[in-house]
């Protein structure tokens, strides 16, 4: 049973299906918890990188005249922030359930 769960965790991690790993209703070993931690960092890290890039573009555009572009960038940054918050809440709930 444990080998099967471990294999599912490994497959999910490789396929970047981290929510499935977080949602498994089993007691995790230290190694599995570490794997889950890395998965979380990968999911959130990618969005944080996107946020940093968009924020950098936003700062550059603030120095130019282009309110339409600035508004579009701001809206896109807000969308990324919302996604990060949503994923953090989801992971927190899943971890709290275990």
C-alpha atoms as a PDB file:
ATOM      1  CA  UNK A   1       0.000   0.000   0.000  1.00  0.00           C
ATOM      2  CA  UNK A   2       2.728   2.486   0.980  1.00  0.00           C
ATOM      3  CA  UNK A   3       4.722   1.708  -2.172  1.00  0.00           C
ATOM      4  CA  UNK A   4       1.634   2.360  -4.291  1.00  0.00           C
ATOM      5  CA  UNK A   5       0.970   5.712  -2.594  1.00  0.00           C
ATOM      6  CA  UNK A   6       4.640   6.692  -2.889  1.00  0.00           C
ATOM      7  CA  UNK A   7       4.575   5.833  -6.599  1.00  0.00           C
ATOM      8  CA  UNK A   8       1.420   7.942  -7.065  1.00  0.00           C
ATOM      9  CA  UNK A   9       3.112  10.852  -5.301  1.00  0.00           C
ATOM     10  CA  UNK A  10       6.170  10.519  -7.552  1.00  0.00           C
ATOM     11  CA  UNK A  11       4.028  10.338 -10.710  1.00  0.00           C
ATOM     12  CA  UNK A  12       1.956  13.326  -9.677  1.00  0.00           C
ATOM     13  CA  UNK A  13       5.096  15.316  -8.927  1.00  0.00           C
ATOM     14  CA  UNK A  14       6.642  14.483 -12.287  1.00  0.00           C
ATOM     15  CA  UNK A  15       3.415  15.354 -14.089  1.00  0.00           C
ATOM     16  CA  UNK A  16       3.128  18.533 -11.994  1.00  0.00           C
ATOM     17  CA  UNK A  17      -0.221  17.404 -10.605  1.00  0.00           C
ATOM     18  CA  UNK A  18       0.588  18.792  -7.178  1.00  0.00           C
ATOM     19  CA  UNK A  19      -3.002  19.327  -6.061  1.00  0.00           C
ATOM     20  CA  UNK A  20      -3.579  15.568  -6.314  1.00  0.00           C
ATOM     21  CA  UNK A  21      -0.628  14.959  -4.022  1.00  0.00           C
ATOM     22  CA  UNK A  22      -1.874  17.519  -1.516  1.00  0.00           C
ATOM     23  CA  UNK A  23      -5.377  16.037  -1.589  1.00  0.00           C
ATOM     24  CA  UNK A  24      -4.402  12.428  -0.843  1.00  0.00           C
ATOM     25  CA  UNK A  25      -6.092  11.356   2.375  1.00  0.00           C
ATOM     26  CA  UNK A  26      -3.164   9.453   3.917  1.00  0.00           C
ATOM     27  CA  UNK A  27      -0.568   9.988   6.612  1.00  0.00           C
ATOM     28  CA  UNK A  28       2.601  11.232   4.912  1.00  0.00           C
ATOM     29  CA  UNK A  29       6.155  10.254   5.778  1.00  0.00           C
ATOM     30  CA  UNK A  30       8.863  12.869   6.282  1.00  0.00           C
ATOM     31  CA  UNK A  31      10.144  12.229   2.756  1.00  0.00           C
ATOM     32  CA  UNK A  32       6.640  12.615   1.318  1.00  0.00           C
ATOM     33  CA  UNK A  33       6.133  15.851   3.253  1.00  0.00           C
ATOM     34  CA  UNK A  34       9.409  17.142   1.829  1.00  0.00           C
ATOM     35  CA  UNK A  35       8.261  16.171  -1.661  1.00  0.00           C
ATOM     36  CA  UNK A  36       4.982  17.988  -1.089  1.00  0.00           C
ATOM     37  CA  UNK A  37       6.904  21.041   0.099  1.00  0.00           C
ATOM     38  CA  UNK A  38       8.974  21.057  -3.087  1.00  0.00           C
ATOM     39  CA  UNK A  39       5.798  20.674  -5.133  1.00  0.00           C
ATOM     40  CA  UNK A  40       4.243  23.668  -3.387  1.00  0.00           C
ATOM     41  CA  UNK A  41       7.359  25.755  -3.999  1.00  0.00           C
ATOM     42  CA  UNK A  42       7.259  24.791  -7.696  1.00  0.00           C
ATOM     43  CA  UNK A  43       3.604  25.756  -8.076  1.00  0.00           C
ATOM     44  CA  UNK A  44       3.894  29.061  -6.238  1.00  0.00           C
ATOM     45  CA  UNK A  45       7.408  29.813  -7.510  1.00  0.00           C
ATOM     46  CA  UNK A  46       6.287  29.823 -11.133  1.00  0.00           C
ATOM     47  CA  UNK A  47       3.527  32.316 -10.373  1.00  0.00           C
ATOM     48  CA  UNK A  48       5.842  34.473  -8.272  1.00  0.00           C
ATOM     49  CA  UNK A  49       8.267  34.615 -11.200  1.00  0.00           C
ATOM     50  CA  UNK A  50       5.414  35.720 -13.470  1.00  0.00           C
ATOM     51  CA  UNK A  51       4.417  38.362 -10.931  1.00  0.00           C
ATOM     52  CA  UNK A  52       7.979  39.722 -10.735  1.00  0.00           C
ATOM     53  CA  UNK A  53       8.240  39.953 -14.528  1.00  0.00           C
ATOM     54  CA  UNK A  54       4.892  41.734 -14.846  1.00  0.00           C
ATOM     55  CA  UNK A  55       5.791  44.102 -11.990  1.00  0.00           C
ATOM     56  CA  UNK A  56       9.055  44.961 -13.720  1.00  0.00           C
ATOM     57  CA  UNK A  57       7.233  45.680 -16.982  1.00  0.00           C
ATOM     58  CA  UNK A  58       4.712  47.766 -15.049  1.00  0.00           C
ATOM     59  CA  UNK A  59       7.479  49.899 -13.516  1.00  0.00           C
ATOM     60  CA  UNK A  60       9.033  50.507 -16.937  1.00  0.00           C
ATOM     61  CA  UNK A  61       5.681  51.505 -18.413  1.00  0.00           C
ATOM     62  CA  UNK A  62       4.993  53.932 -15.562  1.00  0.00           C
ATOM     63  CA  UNK A  63       7.870  56.035 -16.887  1.00  0.00           C
ATOM     64  CA  UNK A  64       6.319  56.148 -20.353  1.00  0.00           C
ATOM     65  CA  UNK A  65       3.077  57.578 -21.592  1.00  0.00           C
ATOM     66  CA  UNK A  66       0.742  54.696 -22.179  1.00  0.00           C
ATOM     67  CA  UNK A  67      -2.179  54.514 -19.792  1.00  0.00           C
ATOM     68  CA  UNK A  68      -3.882  51.791 -21.850  1.00  0.00           C
ATOM     69  CA  UNK A  69      -0.842  49.534 -21.593  1.00  0.00           C
ATOM     70  CA  UNK A  70      -0.410  50.322 -17.919  1.00  0.00           C
ATOM     71  CA  UNK A  71      -4.032  49.439 -17.177  1.00  0.00           C
ATOM     72  CA  UNK A  72      -3.705  46.157 -19.074  1.00  0.00           C
ATOM     73  CA  UNK A  73      -0.502  45.287 -17.191  1.00  0.00           C
ATOM     74  CA  UNK A  74      -2.092  46.195 -13.852  1.00  0.00           C
ATOM     75  CA  UNK A  75      -5.107  43.966 -14.578  1.00  0.00           C
ATOM     76  CA  UNK A  76      -2.856  41.082 -15.571  1.00  0.00           C
ATOM     77  CA  UNK A  77      -0.780  41.493 -12.395  1.00  0.00           C
ATOM     78  CA  UNK A  78      -3.993  41.448 -10.341  1.00  0.00           C
ATOM     79  CA  UNK A  79      -5.022  38.221 -12.065  1.00  0.00           C
ATOM     80  CA  UNK A  80      -1.687  36.599 -11.149  1.00  0.00           C
ATOM     81  CA  UNK A  81      -1.984  37.811  -7.540  1.00  0.00           C
ATOM     82  CA  UNK A  82      -5.487  36.367  -7.298  1.00  0.00           C
ATOM     83  CA  UNK A  83      -4.262  33.033  -8.638  1.00  0.00           C
ATOM     84  CA  UNK A  84      -1.399  32.945  -6.112  1.00  0.00           C
ATOM     85  CA  UNK A  85      -3.783  33.707  -3.236  1.00  0.00           C
ATOM     86  CA  UNK A  86      -6.255  31.077  -4.435  1.00  0.00           C
ATOM     87  CA  UNK A  87      -3.583  28.395  -4.713  1.00  0.00           C
ATOM     88  CA  UNK A  88      -2.169  29.259  -1.290  1.00  0.00           C
ATOM     89  CA  UNK A  89      -5.626  28.971   0.292  1.00  0.00           C
ATOM     90  CA  UNK A  90      -6.262  25.658  -1.499  1.00  0.00           C
ATOM     91  CA  UNK A  91      -2.982  24.158  -0.338  1.00  0.00           C
ATOM     92  CA  UNK A  92      -3.510  25.430   3.193  1.00  0.00           C
ATOM     93  CA  UNK A  93      -6.949  23.798   3.331  1.00  0.00           C
ATOM     94  CA  UNK A  94      -5.657  20.507   1.937  1.00  0.00           C
ATOM     95  CA  UNK A  95      -2.771  20.404   4.380  1.00  0.00           C
ATOM     96  CA  UNK A  96      -5.070  21.281   7.290  1.00  0.00           C
ATOM     97  CA  UNK A  97      -7.350  18.379   6.355  1.00  0.00           C
ATOM     98  CA  UNK A  98      -4.556  15.811   6.700  1.00  0.00           C
END
